[in-house]
Structure formats: structure tokens, C-alpha cells
């Protein structure tokens, strides 16, 4: 009988403790307004060199409103160049392209480590062809503004204070001259401040 009485008293004390903790949590003021701990930084950084050269620096900053929604903005800086050669490895011509632009994005996290993202962009593209035949002058590709709408999803893998982000996206507008072409885009990036 003493054991049952002790057990009842322990359970009553535990229930009272949990109840008191809930009251303290309910009385604590909810933090409102901007919270810098919800900011995250990331984007894309890439490079390759050789007959195909690519340099991509596209930083982004975002804000995590809650566990299901985030949004942000970024800039795009992409340069690529391709050298075309004949069968004897002699250079025929080089095509180079540049892209600079702005983007905004919205993310939905339906499950904690999965995300869906929509990213409208406005990019300014330009380029030129340089021929190595000694006769044909270089030709410029006129610059133009090209909209893109990247839609896709991926996974977020926590890594300490940040997260590795793996995504597949597709430009659903597919405008002529867009920097992404018609194939899916595979992104691997890192967010600081997940």
C-alpha cells in the first residue's frame, strides 16, 4: 500500500510540474518582428576549365518564416566559354556567354528535410563568337533580358549550423536565350544558418 501511495504522489507531482511548465510557457511573451537567427545564406558556386570553361557565382539570402515557409533573393553571375576544334584538334572558334541577373525564391517544406521551390529570375545575357581562321571577325551576340521561372524540389541535409541542399529544377518558361537550356538543372549548394 505504501508503494502505491508513493507512486500516486510521484505521478501527481509530475503532472503538477508539467502543468506549471505549460503555464510559464504560455505566459512567456512570443517573439514578434524580425529575428536575425532565421536568416540563411547560400547559393551556387562553381567552376570548370579547359575546352569548356564555366564560372558561376550566384549568392542568395533567405529568411525562414516558420518550419514550412522561407523566401529570399539573390544575384546571378555566370560566364561560360566553349572552344570548338576540328578533328586534328585545331581551334575553329570560341563561343563565350555571360549572364547577370536577379532572382527571388519561395520555398515550402512539406516535410522537414524536403523542399519545393519556385524561383523567378530576370537575367541579362550577352556573348560573342571568335573565329580562328584569320579572316572572319569576331561576332557579338546582342545583349537581351531573358526571364526564367525555375521550379523544382530537393532535399536538405543538416550539417552542423548549416545544411547541404540538393535540388533538381526546370525552367518552365524556356525562353530562347535562357541561361539554362531545355534540360533539368541539378544544383548542389550549402546554406549557412539552416
Protein backbone atom coordinates (compact mmCIF):
# COMPACT_ATOMS: atom_id res chain seq x y z
CA UNK A 1 0.00 0.00 0.00
CA UNK A 2 2.88 2.37 0.79
CA UNK A 3 4.35 1.75 -2.67
CA UNK A 4 1.05 2.64 -4.36
CA UNK A 5 0.75 5.81 -2.26
CA UNK A 6 4.34 6.84 -3.15
CA UNK A 7 3.65 6.13 -6.84
CA UNK A 8 0.45 8.25 -6.75
CA UNK A 9 2.32 11.13 -5.05
CA UNK A 10 5.16 10.96 -7.61
CA UNK A 11 2.68 10.97 -10.53
CA UNK A 12 0.73 13.87 -9.01
CA UNK A 13 3.96 15.83 -8.57
CA UNK A 14 4.99 15.13 -12.18
CA UNK A 15 1.58 16.23 -13.52
CA UNK A 16 1.73 19.41 -11.41
CA UNK A 17 5.26 20.12 -12.69
CA UNK A 18 4.21 19.71 -16.35
CA UNK A 19 1.14 21.89 -15.75
CA UNK A 20 3.26 24.61 -14.12
CA UNK A 21 5.73 24.48 -17.02
CA UNK A 22 2.89 24.95 -19.53
CA UNK A 23 1.63 27.98 -17.60
CA UNK A 24 5.14 29.52 -17.65
CA UNK A 25 5.45 28.85 -21.41
CA UNK A 26 2.04 30.40 -22.05
CA UNK A 27 2.96 33.48 -20.02
CA UNK A 28 6.32 33.95 -21.81
CA UNK A 29 5.97 36.65 -24.47
CA UNK A 30 6.04 35.42 -28.05
CA UNK A 31 8.91 36.94 -30.05
CA UNK A 32 7.50 39.05 -32.88
CA UNK A 33 9.10 41.00 -35.71
CA UNK A 34 12.36 40.37 -37.49
CA UNK A 35 14.51 37.58 -36.00
CA UNK A 36 18.04 37.53 -37.46
CA UNK A 37 18.51 33.92 -36.32
CA UNK A 38 16.05 32.92 -39.07
CA UNK A 39 18.30 34.29 -41.85
CA UNK A 40 20.20 31.87 -44.06
CA UNK A 41 22.85 32.42 -46.72
CA UNK A 42 23.72 30.17 -49.63
CA UNK A 43 23.60 29.92 -53.39
CA UNK A 44 25.73 28.37 -56.10
CA UNK A 45 29.47 28.49 -56.67
CA UNK A 46 31.05 26.52 -59.48
CA UNK A 47 33.93 26.43 -61.95
CA UNK A 48 35.39 24.26 -64.68
CA UNK A 49 38.30 24.95 -67.02
CA UNK A 50 39.53 23.59 -70.35
CA UNK A 51 37.75 23.49 -73.71
CA UNK A 52 34.59 24.18 -71.71
CA UNK A 53 35.05 26.92 -69.14
CA UNK A 54 32.39 27.84 -66.60
CA UNK A 55 32.40 30.24 -63.68
CA UNK A 56 29.26 30.63 -61.57
CA UNK A 57 28.90 32.85 -58.51
CA UNK A 58 25.25 33.18 -57.51
CA UNK A 59 24.79 34.08 -53.83
CA UNK A 60 21.37 34.14 -52.13
CA UNK A 61 19.97 35.31 -48.81
CA UNK A 62 16.76 33.98 -47.32
CA UNK A 63 14.51 34.16 -44.30
CA UNK A 64 12.81 31.16 -42.69
CA UNK A 65 9.37 32.41 -41.56
CA UNK A 66 8.49 29.13 -39.84
CA UNK A 67 9.21 25.43 -40.25
CA UNK A 68 7.20 25.28 -43.50
CA UNK A 69 7.93 28.53 -45.39
CA UNK A 70 11.02 30.50 -46.47
CA UNK A 71 11.71 33.18 -49.08
CA UNK A 72 14.65 35.23 -50.29
CA UNK A 73 16.53 36.83 -53.14
CA UNK A 74 19.83 36.57 -54.94
CA UNK A 75 22.03 37.62 -57.83
CA UNK A 76 23.41 35.58 -60.75
CA UNK A 77 26.87 35.92 -62.28
CA UNK A 78 27.65 33.21 -64.85
CA UNK A 79 30.36 33.09 -67.52
CA UNK A 80 30.86 30.19 -69.91
CA UNK A 81 33.09 29.64 -72.93
CA UNK A 82 33.39 26.71 -75.31
CA UNK A 83 36.23 26.09 -77.76
CA UNK A 84 35.24 24.15 -80.86
CA UNK A 85 38.01 22.20 -82.58
CA UNK A 86 38.33 20.20 -85.79
CA UNK A 87 39.34 16.54 -85.99
CA UNK A 88 43.04 17.48 -85.79
CA UNK A 89 42.44 19.42 -82.54
CA UNK A 90 42.93 22.76 -84.29
CA UNK A 91 40.79 25.53 -82.84
CA UNK A 92 37.95 26.58 -85.12
CA UNK A 93 36.17 29.13 -82.95
CA UNK A 94 35.32 30.03 -79.38
CA UNK A 95 31.86 30.97 -78.16
CA UNK A 96 31.59 32.84 -74.86
CA UNK A 97 28.49 33.85 -72.93
CA UNK A 98 27.79 35.98 -69.91
CA UNK A 99 24.76 36.17 -67.64
CA UNK A 100 23.99 38.56 -64.83
CA UNK A 101 20.64 38.86 -63.14
CA UNK A 102 18.39 38.96 -60.12
CA UNK A 103 16.17 36.28 -58.61
CA UNK A 104 13.66 35.84 -55.83
CA UNK A 105 12.59 32.49 -54.44
CA UNK A 106 9.92 30.94 -52.30
CA UNK A 107 10.28 27.61 -50.54
CA UNK A 108 7.75 25.26 -49.00
CA UNK A 109 8.92 22.47 -46.69
CA UNK A 110 6.08 19.91 -46.76
CA UNK A 111 8.28 17.57 -44.70
CA UNK A 112 11.13 18.79 -42.50
CA UNK A 113 14.00 17.88 -44.85
CA UNK A 114 12.25 18.13 -48.23
CA UNK A 115 11.62 21.37 -50.10
CA UNK A 116 9.71 22.65 -53.12
CA UNK A 117 10.97 25.88 -54.67
CA UNK A 118 9.80 28.47 -57.20
CA UNK A 119 12.43 30.95 -58.40
CA UNK A 120 11.53 33.67 -60.93
CA UNK A 121 14.55 35.38 -62.49
CA UNK A 122 15.41 38.25 -64.81
CA UNK A 123 18.78 37.73 -66.49
CA UNK A 124 20.73 39.87 -68.92
CA UNK A 125 22.61 37.66 -71.39
CA UNK A 126 25.30 38.52 -73.94
CA UNK A 127 28.10 36.79 -75.81
CA UNK A 128 30.42 36.61 -78.79
CA UNK A 129 31.97 34.21 -81.28
CA UNK A 130 35.69 34.42 -82.07
CA UNK A 131 36.88 32.61 -85.19
CA UNK A 132 40.46 31.34 -85.59
CA UNK A 133 40.52 31.29 -89.40
CA UNK A 134 42.35 34.64 -89.60
CA UNK A 135 39.62 36.05 -91.84
CA UNK A 136 36.28 36.15 -90.05
CA UNK A 137 35.93 38.93 -87.49
CA UNK A 138 34.54 38.23 -84.03
CA UNK A 139 30.76 38.45 -83.85
CA UNK A 140 28.89 39.80 -80.86
CA UNK A 141 25.65 38.31 -79.65
CA UNK A 142 23.41 41.26 -78.77
CA UNK A 143 22.57 41.52 -75.09
CA UNK A 144 18.98 40.96 -74.04
CA UNK A 145 16.89 40.44 -70.93
CA UNK A 146 15.53 36.91 -70.61
CA UNK A 147 13.04 35.85 -67.92
CA UNK A 148 13.22 32.40 -66.34
CA UNK A 149 10.98 30.57 -63.89
CA UNK A 150 12.81 27.75 -62.13
CA UNK A 151 10.51 25.23 -60.48
CA UNK A 152 11.69 22.17 -58.61
CA UNK A 153 12.40 20.44 -55.37
CA UNK A 154 15.01 18.67 -53.37
CA UNK A 155 16.42 17.61 -50.06
CA UNK A 156 18.02 19.47 -47.18
CA UNK A 157 20.71 17.57 -45.27
CA UNK A 158 21.62 19.28 -41.95
CA UNK A 159 25.35 19.79 -41.39
CA UNK A 160 26.01 21.49 -38.05
CA UNK A 161 24.80 25.10 -38.23
CA UNK A 162 24.05 24.80 -41.95
CA UNK A 163 22.67 22.38 -44.49
CA UNK A 164 23.63 20.78 -47.77
CA UNK A 165 20.87 21.48 -50.33
CA UNK A 166 20.40 19.15 -53.30
CA UNK A 167 17.80 20.21 -55.88
CA UNK A 168 16.55 19.49 -59.37
CA UNK A 169 14.89 22.40 -61.16
CA UNK A 170 13.49 23.16 -64.59
CA UNK A 171 12.92 26.47 -66.39
CA UNK A 172 9.20 26.24 -67.20
CA UNK A 173 9.26 29.44 -69.32
CA UNK A 174 12.03 28.05 -71.56
CA UNK A 175 12.56 31.36 -73.38
CA UNK A 176 15.04 31.47 -76.26
CA UNK A 177 18.44 32.54 -74.94
CA UNK A 178 17.78 31.49 -71.34
CA UNK A 179 20.95 30.52 -69.46
CA UNK A 180 19.64 27.06 -68.50
CA UNK A 181 18.72 25.47 -71.83
CA UNK A 182 15.99 22.84 -72.02
CA UNK A 183 17.45 20.18 -69.70
CA UNK A 184 16.78 19.84 -65.96
CA UNK A 185 19.19 21.76 -63.72
CA UNK A 186 20.92 19.88 -60.91
CA UNK A 187 22.03 22.10 -58.02
CA UNK A 188 24.23 21.24 -55.08
CA UNK A 189 24.68 24.04 -52.59
CA UNK A 190 25.16 24.88 -48.96
CA UNK A 191 23.04 27.11 -46.73
CA UNK A 192 24.63 28.71 -43.69
CA UNK A 193 22.05 29.21 -40.95
CA UNK A 194 19.60 26.46 -41.89
